[in-house]
Amino acid sequence: GVEHYVKSQRSNKNRGEEPQNAPVNHIMDINAQALIFMARKRLCFK
């Protein structure tokens, strides 16, 4: 119920050297039911 569009690192010559916290842009096209499910998991205190 969701499509993700995340900036690729393909054009980055140091692709394998990017840190885990490197900033990225991400767009989600998501239906309401998938959003509800996502919130259940991503709002969890774990």
PDB file of all heavy atoms in Angstrom:
ATOM      1  N   GLY A   1       0.792  -1.221   0.000  1.00  0.00           N
ATOM      2  CA  GLY A   1       0.000   0.000   0.000  1.00  0.00           C
ATOM      3  C   GLY A   1       0.822   1.269   0.000  1.00  0.00           C
ATOM      4  O   GLY A   1       0.298   2.347   0.250  1.00  0.00           O
ATOM      5  N   VAL A   2       2.101   1.133  -0.293  1.00  0.00           N
ATOM      6  CA  VAL A   2       2.992   2.303  -0.279  1.00  0.00           C
ATOM      7  C   VAL A   2       4.068   2.134  -1.348  1.00  0.00           C
ATOM      8  O   VAL A   2       4.538   1.032  -1.608  1.00  0.00           O
ATOM      9  CB  VAL A   2       3.632   2.486   1.120  1.00  0.00           C
ATOM     10  CG1 VAL A   2       4.429   1.275   1.554  1.00  0.00           C
ATOM     11  CG2 VAL A   2       4.477   3.750   1.184  1.00  0.00           C
ATOM     12  N   GLU A   3       4.404   3.245  -1.977  1.00  0.00           N
ATOM     13  CA  GLU A   3       5.556   3.299  -2.884  1.00  0.00           C
ATOM     14  C   GLU A   3       6.537   4.300  -2.293  1.00  0.00           C
ATOM     15  O   GLU A   3       6.144   5.362  -1.826  1.00  0.00           O
ATOM     16  CB  GLU A   3       5.143   3.745  -4.296  1.00  0.00           C
ATOM     17  CG  GLU A   3       4.346   2.708  -5.055  1.00  0.00           C
ATOM     18  CD  GLU A   3       5.119   1.439  -5.366  1.00  0.00           C
ATOM     19  OE1 GLU A   3       6.366   1.489  -5.507  1.00  0.00           O
ATOM     20  OE2 GLU A   3       4.483   0.377  -5.455  1.00  0.00           O
ATOM     21  N   HIS A   4       7.815   3.940  -2.338  1.00  0.00           N
ATOM     22  CA  HIS A   4       8.864   4.791  -1.780  1.00  0.00           C
ATOM     23  C   HIS A   4       9.739   5.324  -2.905  1.00  0.00           C
ATOM     24  O   HIS A   4      10.078   4.593  -3.841  1.00  0.00           O
ATOM     25  CB  HIS A   4       9.743   3.982  -0.816  1.00  0.00           C
ATOM     26  CG  HIS A   4       8.993   3.440   0.344  1.00  0.00           C
ATOM     27  ND1 HIS A   4       8.757   4.183   1.481  1.00  0.00           N
ATOM     28  CD2 HIS A   4       8.399   2.240   0.558  1.00  0.00           C
ATOM     29  CE1 HIS A   4       8.060   3.456   2.346  1.00  0.00           C
ATOM     30  NE2 HIS A   4       7.833   2.271   1.800  1.00  0.00           N
ATOM     31  N   TYR A   5      10.111   6.572  -2.782  1.00  0.00           N
ATOM     32  CA  TYR A   5      10.998   7.229  -3.729  1.00  0.00           C
ATOM     33  C   TYR A   5      12.099   7.878  -2.911  1.00  0.00           C
ATOM     34  O   TYR A   5      11.887   8.907  -2.272  1.00  0.00           O
ATOM     35  CB  TYR A   5      10.216   8.258  -4.564  1.00  0.00           C
ATOM     36  CG  TYR A   5       9.036   7.608  -5.245  1.00  0.00           C
ATOM     37  CD1 TYR A   5       7.791   7.574  -4.635  1.00  0.00           C
ATOM     38  CD2 TYR A   5       9.183   6.978  -6.485  1.00  0.00           C
ATOM     39  CE1 TYR A   5       6.710   6.942  -5.243  1.00  0.00           C
ATOM     40  CE2 TYR A   5       8.109   6.348  -7.095  1.00  0.00           C
ATOM     41  CZ  TYR A   5       6.882   6.341  -6.462  1.00  0.00           C
ATOM     42  OH  TYR A   5       5.817   5.706  -7.065  1.00  0.00           O
ATOM     43  N   VAL A   6      13.251   7.216  -2.898  1.00  0.00           N
ATOM     44  CA  VAL A   6      14.376   7.640  -2.063  1.00  0.00           C
ATOM     45  C   VAL A   6      15.540   7.990  -2.973  1.00  0.00           C
ATOM     46  O   VAL A   6      15.846   7.250  -3.918  1.00  0.00           O
ATOM     47  CB  VAL A   6      14.792   6.518  -1.084  1.00  0.00           C
ATOM     48  CG1 VAL A   6      15.925   6.972  -0.179  1.00  0.00           C
ATOM     49  CG2 VAL A   6      13.606   6.046  -0.263  1.00  0.00           C
ATOM     50  N   LYS A   7      16.202   9.106  -2.679  1.00  0.00           N
ATOM     51  CA  LYS A   7      17.347   9.521  -3.485  1.00  0.00           C
ATOM     52  C   LYS A   7      18.396   8.416  -3.500  1.00  0.00           C
ATOM     53  O   LYS A   7      18.801   7.896  -2.470  1.00  0.00           O
ATOM     54  CB  LYS A   7      17.957  10.800  -2.924  1.00  0.00           C
ATOM     55  CG  LYS A   7      19.107  11.323  -3.769  1.00  0.00           C
ATOM     56  CD  LYS A   7      19.695  12.573  -3.146  1.00  0.00           C
ATOM     57  CE  LYS A   7      20.842  13.118  -3.950  1.00  0.00           C
ATOM     58  NZ  LYS A   7      21.975  12.223  -4.088  1.00  0.00           N
ATOM     59  N   SER A   8      18.814   8.080  -4.692  1.00  0.00           N
ATOM     60  CA  SER A   8      19.811   7.038  -4.877  1.00  0.00           C
ATOM     61  C   SER A   8      21.203   7.564  -4.557  1.00  0.00           C
ATOM     62  O   SER A   8      21.478   8.756  -4.686  1.00  0.00           O
ATOM     63  CB  SER A   8      19.775   6.554  -6.333  1.00  0.00           C
ATOM     64  OG  SER A   8      20.836   5.679  -6.582  1.00  0.00           O
ATOM     65  N   GLN A   9      22.101   6.650  -4.177  1.00  0.00           N
ATOM     66  CA  GLN A   9      23.500   7.007  -3.976  1.00  0.00           C
ATOM     67  C   GLN A   9      24.350   6.609  -5.179  1.00  0.00           C
ATOM     68  O   GLN A   9      25.562   6.714  -5.139  1.00  0.00           O
ATOM     69  CB  GLN A   9      24.042   6.319  -2.723  1.00  0.00           C
ATOM     70  CG  GLN A   9      23.447   6.830  -1.444  1.00  0.00           C
ATOM     71  CD  GLN A   9      24.083   6.155  -0.230  1.00  0.00           C
ATOM     72  OE1 GLN A   9      24.857   5.220  -0.353  1.00  0.00           O
ATOM     73  NE2 GLN A   9      23.728   6.645   0.938  1.00  0.00           N
ATOM     74  N   ARG A  10      23.689   6.173  -6.266  1.00  0.00           N
ATOM     75  CA  ARG A  10      24.437   5.701  -7.432  1.00  0.00           C
ATOM     76  C   ARG A  10      25.411   6.734  -7.982  1.00  0.00           C
ATOM     77  O   ARG A  10      26.489   6.399  -8.442  1.00  0.00           O
ATOM     78  CB  ARG A  10      23.475   5.271  -8.545  1.00  0.00           C
ATOM     79  CG  ARG A  10      22.873   3.923  -8.313  1.00  0.00           C
ATOM     80  CD  ARG A  10      22.141   3.458  -9.555  1.00  0.00           C
ATOM     81  NE  ARG A  10      20.997   4.297  -9.854  1.00  0.00           N
ATOM     82  CZ  ARG A  10      19.748   4.040  -9.509  1.00  0.00           C
ATOM     83  NH1 ARG A  10      19.482   2.955  -8.840  1.00  0.00           N
ATOM     84  NH2 ARG A  10      18.789   4.846  -9.831  1.00  0.00           N
ATOM     85  N   SER A  11      25.024   8.004  -7.944  1.00  0.00           N
ATOM     86  CA  SER A  11      25.889   9.036  -8.532  1.00  0.00           C
ATOM     87  C   SER A  11      26.991   9.486  -7.575  1.00  0.00           C
ATOM     88  O   SER A  11      27.861  10.270  -7.951  1.00  0.00           O
ATOM     89  CB  SER A  11      25.050  10.241  -8.954  1.00  0.00           C
ATOM     90  OG  SER A  11      24.394  10.778  -7.823  1.00  0.00           O
ATOM     91  N   ASN A  12      26.997   8.980  -6.366  1.00  0.00           N
ATOM     92  CA  ASN A  12      27.999   9.363  -5.378  1.00  0.00           C
ATOM     93  C   ASN A  12      29.246   8.487  -5.564  1.00  0.00           C
ATOM     94  O   ASN A  12      29.194   7.272  -5.394  1.00  0.00           O
ATOM     95  CB  ASN A  12      27.412   9.192  -3.971  1.00  0.00           C
ATOM     96  CG  ASN A  12      28.357   9.656  -2.892  1.00  0.00           C
ATOM     97  OD1 ASN A  12      29.548   9.844  -3.121  1.00  0.00           O
ATOM     98  ND2 ASN A  12      27.809   9.842  -1.704  1.00  0.00           N
ATOM     99  N   LYS A  13      30.357   9.128  -5.891  1.00  0.00           N
ATOM    100  CA  LYS A  13      31.581   8.347  -6.124  1.00  0.00           C
ATOM    101  C   LYS A  13      32.078   7.655  -4.860  1.00  0.00           C
ATOM    102  O   LYS A  13      32.815   6.683  -4.923  1.00  0.00           O
ATOM    103  CB  LYS A  13      32.667   9.232  -6.725  1.00  0.00           C
ATOM    104  CG  LYS A  13      33.132  10.350  -5.830  1.00  0.00           C
ATOM    105  CD  LYS A  13      34.158  11.228  -6.521  1.00  0.00           C
ATOM    106  CE  LYS A  13      34.497  12.391  -5.595  1.00  0.00           C
ATOM    107  NZ  LYS A  13      35.265  13.393  -6.259  1.00  0.00           N
ATOM    108  N   ASN A  14      31.684   8.147  -3.696  1.00  0.00           N
ATOM    109  CA  ASN A  14      32.057   7.524  -2.416  1.00  0.00           C
ATOM    110  C   ASN A  14      30.885   6.744  -1.841  1.00  0.00           C
ATOM    111  O   ASN A  14      30.699   6.687  -0.632  1.00  0.00           O
ATOM    112  CB  ASN A  14      32.506   8.597  -1.421  1.00  0.00           C
ATOM    113  CG  ASN A  14      33.718   9.343  -1.900  1.00  0.00           C
ATOM    114  OD1 ASN A  14      34.601   8.778  -2.536  1.00  0.00           O
ATOM    115  ND2 ASN A  14      33.756  10.637  -1.631  1.00  0.00           N
ATOM    116  N   ARG A  15      30.126   6.142  -2.691  1.00  0.00           N
ATOM    117  CA  ARG A  15      28.869   5.476  -2.319  1.00  0.00           C
ATOM    118  C   ARG A  15      29.004   4.576  -1.098  1.00  0.00           C
ATOM    119  O   ARG A  15      28.210   4.625  -0.185  1.00  0.00           O
ATOM    120  CB  ARG A  15      28.373   4.681  -3.526  1.00  0.00           C
ATOM    121  CG  ARG A  15      27.080   3.990  -3.314  1.00  0.00           C
ATOM    122  CD  ARG A  15      26.691   3.308  -4.594  1.00  0.00           C
ATOM    123  NE  ARG A  15      25.431   2.632  -4.445  1.00  0.00           N
ATOM    124  CZ  ARG A  15      24.872   1.943  -5.398  1.00  0.00           C
ATOM    125  NH1 ARG A  15      25.441   1.856  -6.571  1.00  0.00           N
ATOM    126  NH2 ARG A  15      23.735   1.339  -5.193  1.00  0.00           N
ATOM    127  N   GLY A  16      29.994   3.739  -1.060  1.00  0.00           N
ATOM    128  CA  GLY A  16      30.167   2.800   0.036  1.00  0.00           C
ATOM    129  C   GLY A  16      30.670   3.444   1.316  1.00  0.00           C
ATOM    130  O   GLY A  16      30.719   2.801   2.351  1.00  0.00           O
ATOM    131  N   GLU A  17      31.055   4.712   1.240  1.00  0.00           N
ATOM    132  CA  GLU A  17      31.610   5.391   2.398  1.00  0.00           C
ATOM    133  C   GLU A  17      30.599   6.294   3.099  1.00  0.00           C
ATOM    134  O   GLU A  17      30.938   6.926   4.097  1.00  0.00           O
ATOM    135  CB  GLU A  17      32.827   6.220   1.971  1.00  0.00           C
ATOM    136  CG  GLU A  17      33.938   5.350   1.408  1.00  0.00           C
ATOM    137  CD  GLU A  17      35.067   6.177   0.811  1.00  0.00           C
ATOM    138  OE1 GLU A  17      35.150   7.384   1.089  1.00  0.00           O
ATOM    139  OE2 GLU A  17      35.853   5.600   0.057  1.00  0.00           O
ATOM    140  N   GLU A  18      29.376   6.364   2.585  1.00  0.00           N
ATOM    141  CA  GLU A  18      28.351   7.205   3.209  1.00  0.00           C
ATOM    142  C   GLU A  18      28.034   6.681   4.606  1.00  0.00           C
ATOM    143  O   GLU A  18      27.817   5.488   4.793  1.00  0.00           O
ATOM    144  CB  GLU A  18      27.054   7.192   2.389  1.00  0.00           C
ATOM    145  CG  GLU A  18      27.124   7.998   1.119  1.00  0.00           C
ATOM    146  CD  GLU A  18      27.093   9.501   1.356  1.00  0.00           C
ATOM    147  OE1 GLU A  18      26.568   9.952   2.399  1.00  0.00           O
ATOM    148  OE2 GLU A  18      27.610  10.222   0.495  1.00  0.00           O
ATOM    149  N   PRO A  19      27.988   7.559   5.608  1.00  0.00           N
ATOM    150  CA  PRO A  19      27.619   7.122   6.950  1.00  0.00           C
ATOM    151  C   PRO A  19      26.131   6.771   7.027  1.00  0.00           C
ATOM    152  O   PRO A  19      25.337   7.239   6.215  1.00  0.00           O
ATOM    153  CB  PRO A  19      27.947   8.329   7.834  1.00  0.00           C
ATOM    154  CG  PRO A  19      27.962   9.498   6.912  1.00  0.00           C
ATOM    155  CD  PRO A  19      28.325   8.974   5.552  1.00  0.00           C
ATOM    156  N   GLN A  20      25.774   5.957   7.995  1.00  0.00           N
ATOM    157  CA  GLN A  20      24.380   5.532   8.167  1.00  0.00           C
ATOM    158  C   GLN A  20      23.433   6.704   8.392  1.00  0.00           C
ATOM    159  O   GLN A  20      22.273   6.631   8.049  1.00  0.00           O
ATOM    160  CB  GLN A  20      24.265   4.563   9.344  1.00  0.00           C
ATOM    161  CG  GLN A  20      24.777   3.183   9.035  1.00  0.00           C
ATOM    162  CD  GLN A  20      23.880   2.478   8.037  1.00  0.00           C
ATOM    163  OE1 GLN A  20      22.697   2.333   8.261  1.00  0.00           O
ATOM    164  NE2 GLN A  20      24.460   2.065   6.928  1.00  0.00           N
ATOM    165  N   ASN A  21      23.949   7.778   8.965  1.00  0.00           N
ATOM    166  CA  ASN A  21      23.082   8.923   9.253  1.00  0.00           C
ATOM    167  C   ASN A  21      23.164  10.017   8.181  1.00  0.00           C
ATOM    168  O   ASN A  21      22.724  11.138   8.417  1.00  0.00           O
ATOM    169  CB  ASN A  21      23.384   9.489  10.633  1.00  0.00           C
ATOM    170  CG  ASN A  21      24.781  10.055  10.738  1.00  0.00           C
ATOM    171  OD1 ASN A  21      25.618   9.863   9.854  1.00  0.00           O
ATOM    172  ND2 ASN A  21      25.053  10.760  11.832  1.00  0.00           N
ATOM    173  N   ALA A  22      23.721   9.698   7.032  1.00  0.00           N
ATOM    174  CA  ALA A  22      23.780  10.683   5.941  1.00  0.00           C
ATOM    175  C   ALA A  22      22.355  11.105   5.586  1.00  0.00           C
ATOM    176  O   ALA A  22      21.452  10.269   5.521  1.00  0.00           O
ATOM    177  CB  ALA A  22      24.477  10.080   4.723  1.00  0.00           C
ATOM    178  N   PRO A  23      22.129  12.397   5.365  1.00  0.00           N
ATOM    179  CA  PRO A  23      20.770  12.856   5.055  1.00  0.00           C
ATOM    180  C   PRO A  23      20.315  12.394   3.671  1.00  0.00           C
ATOM    181  O   PRO A  23      21.109  12.325   2.729  1.00  0.00           O
ATOM    182  CB  PRO A  23      20.884  14.379   5.122  1.00  0.00           C
ATOM    183  CG  PRO A  23      22.324  14.676   4.922  1.00  0.00           C
ATOM    184  CD  PRO A  23      23.086  13.493   5.419  1.00  0.00           C
ATOM    185  N   VAL A  24      19.034  12.074   3.598  1.00  0.00           N
ATOM    186  CA  VAL A  24      18.453  11.626   2.333  1.00  0.00           C
ATOM    187  C   VAL A  24      17.040  12.189   2.233  1.00  0.00           C
ATOM    188  O   VAL A  24      16.391  12.444   3.249  1.00  0.00           O
ATOM    189  CB  VAL A  24      18.455  10.078   2.241  1.00  0.00           C
ATOM    190  CG1 VAL A  24      17.493   9.452   3.223  1.00  0.00           C
ATOM    191  CG2 VAL A  24      18.183   9.605   0.831  1.00  0.00           C
ATOM    192  N   ASN A  25      16.580  12.387   1.012  1.00  0.00           N
ATOM    193  CA  ASN A  25      15.197  12.794   0.776  1.00  0.00           C
ATOM    194  C   ASN A  25      14.390  11.556   0.418  1.00  0.00           C
ATOM    195  O   ASN A  25      14.871  10.687  -0.315  1.00  0.00           O
ATOM    196  CB  ASN A  25      15.114  13.828  -0.342  1.00  0.00           C
ATOM    197  CG  ASN A  25      15.778  15.131   0.037  1.00  0.00           C
ATOM    198  OD1 ASN A  25      15.939  15.434   1.210  1.00  0.00           O
ATOM    199  ND2 ASN A  25      16.181  15.897  -0.949  1.00  0.00           N
ATOM    200  N   HIS A  26      13.186  11.495   0.923  1.00  0.00           N
ATOM    201  CA  HIS A  26      12.348  10.287   0.788  1.00  0.00           C
ATOM    202  C   HIS A  26      10.902  10.752   0.630  1.00  0.00           C
ATOM    203  O   HIS A  26      10.412  11.519   1.444  1.00  0.00           O
ATOM    204  CB  HIS A  26      12.527   9.458   2.062  1.00  0.00           C
ATOM    205  CG  HIS A  26      11.796   8.165   2.099  1.00  0.00           C
ATOM    206  ND1 HIS A  26      12.273   7.087   2.797  1.00  0.00           N
ATOM    207  CD2 HIS A  26      10.624   7.737   1.572  1.00  0.00           C
ATOM    208  CE1 HIS A  26      11.427   6.069   2.690  1.00  0.00           C
ATOM    209  NE2 HIS A  26      10.408   6.454   1.952  1.00  0.00           N
ATOM    210  N   ILE A  27      10.248  10.278  -0.415  1.00  0.00           N
ATOM    211  CA  ILE A  27       8.826  10.559  -0.613  1.00  0.00           C
ATOM    212  C   ILE A  27       8.075   9.241  -0.565  1.00  0.00           C
ATOM    213  O   ILE A  27       8.507   8.254  -1.166  1.00  0.00           O
ATOM    214  CB  ILE A  27       8.553  11.281  -1.953  1.00  0.00           C
ATOM    215  CG1 ILE A  27       9.211  12.658  -1.945  1.00  0.00           C
ATOM    216  CG2 ILE A  27       7.054  11.408  -2.206  1.00  0.00           C
ATOM    217  CD1 ILE A  27       9.045  13.432  -3.251  1.00  0.00           C
ATOM    218  N   MET A  28       6.954   9.238   0.149  1.00  0.00           N
ATOM    219  CA  MET A  28       6.081   8.061   0.205  1.00  0.00           C
ATOM    220  C   MET A  28       4.731   8.427  -0.407  1.00  0.00           C
ATOM    221  O   MET A  28       4.148   9.451  -0.059  1.00  0.00           O
ATOM    222  CB  MET A  28       5.823   7.612   1.649  1.00  0.00           C
ATOM    223  CG  MET A  28       7.015   7.132   2.391  1.00  0.00           C
ATOM    224  SD  MET A  28       6.597   6.441   4.024  1.00  0.00           S
ATOM    225  CE  MET A  28       5.917   7.853   4.885  1.00  0.00           C
ATOM    226  N   ASP A  29       4.253   7.570  -1.276  1.00  0.00           N
ATOM    227  CA  ASP A  29       2.886   7.642  -1.780  1.00  0.00           C
ATOM    228  C   ASP A  29       2.179   6.472  -1.112  1.00  0.00           C
ATOM    229  O   ASP A  29       2.514   5.315  -1.391  1.00  0.00           O
ATOM    230  CB  ASP A  29       2.894   7.509  -3.305  1.00  0.00           C
ATOM    231  CG  ASP A  29       1.676   8.110  -3.960  1.00  0.00           C
ATOM    232  OD1 ASP A  29       1.093   9.051  -3.387  1.00  0.00           O
ATOM    233  OD2 ASP A  29       1.299   7.640  -5.055  1.00  0.00           O
ATOM    234  N   ILE A  30       1.236   6.762  -0.206  1.00  0.00           N
ATOM    235  CA  ILE A  30       0.734   5.727   0.689  1.00  0.00           C
ATOM    236  C   ILE A  30      -0.778   5.833   0.857  1.00  0.00           C
ATOM    237  O   ILE A  30      -1.323   6.928   0.949  1.00  0.00           O
ATOM    238  CB  ILE A  30       1.459   5.826   2.061  1.00  0.00           C
ATOM    239  CG1 ILE A  30       1.110   4.671   2.992  1.00  0.00           C
ATOM    240  CG2 ILE A  30       1.240   7.176   2.711  1.00  0.00           C
ATOM    241  CD1 ILE A  30       2.026   4.567   4.221  1.00  0.00           C
ATOM    242  N   ASN A  31      -1.439   4.672   0.892  1.00  0.00           N
ATOM    243  CA  ASN A  31      -2.882   4.707   1.145  1.00  0.00           C
ATOM    244  C   ASN A  31      -3.136   4.742   2.654  1.00  0.00           C
ATOM    245  O   ASN A  31      -2.258   4.442   3.463  1.00  0.00           O
ATOM    246  CB  ASN A  31      -3.619   3.562   0.427  1.00  0.00           C
ATOM    247  CG  ASN A  31      -3.450   2.205   1.053  1.00  0.00           C
ATOM    248  OD1 ASN A  31      -3.619   2.006   2.261  1.00  0.00           O
ATOM    249  ND2 ASN A  31      -3.129   1.220   0.217  1.00  0.00           N
ATOM    250  N   ALA A  32      -4.338   5.150   3.018  1.00  0.00           N
ATOM    251  CA  ALA A  32      -4.659   5.386   4.425  1.00  0.00           C
ATOM    252  C   ALA A  32      -4.519   4.131   5.282  1.00  0.00           C
ATOM    253  O   ALA A  32      -4.059   4.208   6.423  1.00  0.00           O
ATOM    254  CB  ALA A  32      -6.070   5.964   4.550  1.00  0.00           C
ATOM    255  N   GLN A  33      -4.901   2.980   4.762  1.00  0.00           N
ATOM    256  CA  GLN A  33      -4.787   1.766   5.563  1.00  0.00           C
ATOM    257  C   GLN A  33      -3.320   1.430   5.829  1.00  0.00           C
ATOM    258  O   GLN A  33      -2.951   1.076   6.946  1.00  0.00           O
ATOM    259  CB  GLN A  33      -5.486   0.590   4.886  1.00  0.00           C
ATOM    260  CG  GLN A  33      -5.522  -0.633   5.767  1.00  0.00           C
ATOM    261  CD  GLN A  33      -6.341  -1.762   5.169  1.00  0.00           C
ATOM    262  OE1 GLN A  33      -6.499  -1.863   3.964  1.00  0.00           O
ATOM    263  NE2 GLN A  33      -6.865  -2.610   6.030  1.00  0.00           N
ATOM    264  N   ALA A  34      -2.471   1.573   4.810  1.00  0.00           N
ATOM    265  CA  ALA A  34      -1.045   1.321   4.995  1.00  0.00           C
ATOM    266  C   ALA A  34      -0.436   2.326   5.973  1.00  0.00           C
ATOM    267  O   ALA A  34       0.436   1.985   6.771  1.00  0.00           O
ATOM    268  CB  ALA A  34      -0.325   1.371   3.656  1.00  0.00           C
ATOM    269  N   LEU A  35      -0.914   3.565   5.921  1.00  0.00           N
ATOM    270  CA  LEU A  35      -0.437   4.595   6.837  1.00  0.00           C
ATOM    271  C   LEU A  35      -0.778   4.249   8.287  1.00  0.00           C
ATOM    272  O   LEU A  35       0.054   4.402   9.189  1.00  0.00           O
ATOM    273  CB  LEU A  35      -1.043   5.947   6.462  1.00  0.00           C
ATOM    274  CG  LEU A  35      -0.643   7.116   7.340  1.00  0.00           C
ATOM    275  CD1 LEU A  35       0.830   7.443   7.184  1.00  0.00           C
ATOM    276  CD2 LEU A  35      -1.499   8.328   6.995  1.00  0.00           C
ATOM    277  N   ILE A  36      -1.986   3.758   8.501  1.00  0.00           N
ATOM    278  CA  ILE A  36      -2.405   3.352   9.844  1.00  0.00           C
ATOM    279  C   ILE A  36      -1.505   2.229  10.352  1.00  0.00           C
ATOM    280  O   ILE A  36      -1.028   2.255  11.492  1.00  0.00           O
ATOM    281  CB  ILE A  36      -3.887   2.926   9.847  1.00  0.00           C
ATOM    282  CG1 ILE A  36      -4.782   4.151   9.605  1.00  0.00           C
ATOM    283  CG2 ILE A  36      -4.263   2.218  11.141  1.00  0.00           C
ATOM    284  CD1 ILE A  36      -6.225   3.797   9.265  1.00  0.00           C
ATOM    285  N   PHE A  37      -1.243   1.244   9.504  1.00  0.00           N
ATOM    286  CA  PHE A  37      -0.373   0.126   9.889  1.00  0.00           C
ATOM    287  C   PHE A  37       1.041   0.624  10.182  1.00  0.00           C
ATOM    288  O   PHE A  37       1.664   0.227  11.173  1.00  0.00           O
ATOM    289  CB  PHE A  37      -0.359  -0.943   8.790  1.00  0.00           C
ATOM    290  CG  PHE A  37       0.514  -2.107   9.131  1.00  0.00           C
ATOM    291  CD1 PHE A  37       0.080  -3.085  10.018  1.00  0.00           C
ATOM    292  CD2 PHE A  37       1.778  -2.224   8.590  1.00  0.00           C
ATOM    293  CE1 PHE A  37       0.895  -4.162  10.349  1.00  0.00           C
ATOM    294  CE2 PHE A  37       2.608  -3.297   8.909  1.00  0.00           C
ATOM    295  CZ  PHE A  37       2.158  -4.264   9.792  1.00  0.00           C
ATOM    296  N   MET A  38       1.543   1.517   9.317  1.00  0.00           N
ATOM    297  CA  MET A  38       2.888   2.058   9.512  1.00  0.00           C
ATOM    298  C   MET A  38       2.974   2.799  10.851  1.00  0.00           C
ATOM    299  O   MET A  38       3.951   2.637  11.592  1.00  0.00           O
ATOM    300  CB  MET A  38       3.251   3.003   8.366  1.00  0.00           C
ATOM    301  CG  MET A  38       4.644   3.580   8.460  1.00  0.00           C
ATOM    302  SD  MET A  38       4.995   4.733   7.119  1.00  0.00           S
ATOM    303  CE  MET A  38       5.257   3.585   5.759  1.00  0.00           C
ATOM    304  N   ALA A  39       1.972   3.585  11.160  1.00  0.00           N
ATOM    305  CA  ALA A  39       1.973   4.327  12.425  1.00  0.00           C
ATOM    306  C   ALA A  39       2.017   3.368  13.610  1.00  0.00           C
ATOM    307  O   ALA A  39       2.722   3.632  14.594  1.00  0.00           O
ATOM    308  CB  ALA A  39       0.742   5.226  12.505  1.00  0.00           C
ATOM    309  N   ARG A  40       1.288   2.271  13.531  1.00  0.00           N
ATOM    310  CA  ARG A  40       1.283   1.300  14.636  1.00  0.00           C
ATOM    311  C   ARG A  40       2.683   0.792  14.948  1.00  0.00           C
ATOM    312  O   ARG A  40       3.040   0.607  16.108  1.00  0.00           O
ATOM    313  CB  ARG A  40       0.378   0.115  14.299  1.00  0.00           C
ATOM    314  CG  ARG A  40      -1.079   0.457  14.299  1.00  0.00           C
ATOM    315  CD  ARG A  40      -1.905  -0.745  13.907  1.00  0.00           C
ATOM    316  NE  ARG A  40      -3.269  -0.350  13.630  1.00  0.00           N
ATOM    317  CZ  ARG A  40      -4.115  -1.053  12.908  1.00  0.00           C
ATOM    318  NH1 ARG A  40      -3.755  -2.224  12.389  1.00  0.00           N
ATOM    319  NH2 ARG A  40      -5.342  -0.617  12.699  1.00  0.00           N
ATOM    320  N   LYS A  41       3.456   0.568  13.906  1.00  0.00           N
ATOM    321  CA  LYS A  41       4.813   0.030  14.094  1.00  0.00           C
ATOM    322  C   LYS A  41       5.827   1.123  14.417  1.00  0.00           C
ATOM    323  O   LYS A  41       6.696   0.945  15.264  1.00  0.00           O
ATOM    324  CB  LYS A  41       5.272  -0.722  12.838  1.00  0.00           C
ATOM    325  CG  LYS A  41       4.404  -1.921  12.499  1.00  0.00           C
ATOM    326  CD  LYS A  41       4.412  -2.938  13.611  1.00  0.00           C
ATOM    327  CE  LYS A  41       3.585  -4.149  13.255  1.00  0.00           C
ATOM    328  NZ  LYS A  41       3.356  -5.017  14.402  1.00  0.00           N
ATOM    329  N   ARG A  42       5.743   2.260  13.738  1.00  0.00           N
ATOM    330  CA  ARG A  42       6.766   3.299  13.870  1.00  0.00           C
ATOM    331  C   ARG A  42       6.534   4.246  15.035  1.00  0.00           C
ATOM    332  O   ARG A  42       7.416   5.025  15.372  1.00  0.00           O
ATOM    333  CB  ARG A  42       6.901   4.063  12.549  1.00  0.00           C
ATOM    334  CG  ARG A  42       7.327   3.174  11.391  1.00  0.00           C
ATOM    335  CD  ARG A  42       8.624   2.451  11.708  1.00  0.00           C
ATOM    336  NE  ARG A  42       8.855   1.342  10.783  1.00  0.00           N
ATOM    337  CZ  ARG A  42       9.707   0.371  10.999  1.00  0.00           C
ATOM    338  NH1 ARG A  42      10.418   0.340  12.107  1.00  0.00           N
ATOM    339  NH2 ARG A  42       9.858  -0.589  10.123  1.00  0.00           N
ATOM    340  N   LEU A  43       5.358   4.174  15.681  1.00  0.00           N
ATOM    341  CA  LEU A  43       5.123   4.948  16.901  1.00  0.00           C
ATOM    342  C   LEU A  43       5.369   4.106  18.150  1.00  0.00           C
ATOM    343  O   LEU A  43       5.330   4.625  19.265  1.00  0.00           O
ATOM    344  CB  LEU A  43       3.690   5.502  16.928  1.00  0.00           C
ATOM    345  CG  LEU A  43       3.380   6.590  15.914  1.00  0.00           C
ATOM    346  CD1 LEU A  43       1.899   6.937  15.951  1.00  0.00           C
ATOM    347  CD2 LEU A  43       4.228   7.830  16.139  1.00  0.00           C
ATOM    348  N   CYS A  44       5.631   2.831  17.966  1.00  0.00           N
ATOM    349  CA  CYS A  44       5.914   1.924  19.074  1.00  0.00           C
ATOM    350  C   CYS A  44       7.129   2.433  19.851  1.00  0.00           C
ATOM    351  O   CYS A  44       8.076   2.963  19.268  1.00  0.00           O
ATOM    352  CB  CYS A  44       6.196   0.527  18.509  1.00  0.00           C
ATOM    353  SG  CYS A  44       6.725  -0.678  19.740  1.00  0.00           S
ATOM    354  N   PHE A  45       7.096   2.285  21.166  1.00  0.00           N
ATOM    355  CA  PHE A  45       8.205   2.736  21.993  1.00  0.00           C
ATOM    356  C   PHE A  45       9.465   1.892  21.780  1.00  0.00           C
ATOM    357  O   PHE A  45      10.540   2.272  22.222  1.00  0.00           O
ATOM    358  CB  PHE A  45       7.803   2.751  23.473  1.00  0.00           C
ATOM    359  CG  PHE A  45       6.809   3.819  23.788  1.00  0.00           C
ATOM    360  CD1 PHE A  45       5.474   3.498  24.001  1.00  0.00           C
ATOM    361  CD2 PHE A  45       7.180   5.149  23.853  1.00  0.00           C
ATOM    362  CE1 PHE A  45       4.550   4.483  24.289  1.00  0.00           C
ATOM    363  CE2 PHE A  45       6.262   6.144  24.136  1.00  0.00           C
ATOM    364  CZ  PHE A  45       4.937   5.810  24.355  1.00  0.00           C
ATOM    365  N   LYS A  46       9.341   0.752  21.090  1.00  0.00           N
ATOM    366  CA  LYS A  46      10.511  -0.059  20.753  1.00  0.00           C
ATOM    367  C   LYS A  46      11.137   0.398  19.436  1.00  0.00           C
ATOM    368  O   LYS A  46      12.242  -0.013  19.101  1.00  0.00           O
ATOM    369  CB  LYS A  46      10.123  -1.545  20.638  1.00  0.00           C
ATOM    370  CG  LYS A  46       9.692  -2.182  21.946  1.00  0.00           C
ATOM    371  CD  LYS A  46      10.825  -2.307  22.929  1.00  0.00           C
ATOM    372  CE  LYS A  46      11.664  -3.517  22.592  1.00  0.00           C
ATOM    373  NZ  LYS A  46      12.661  -3.832  23.585  1.00  0.00           N
TER     374      LYS A  46
END
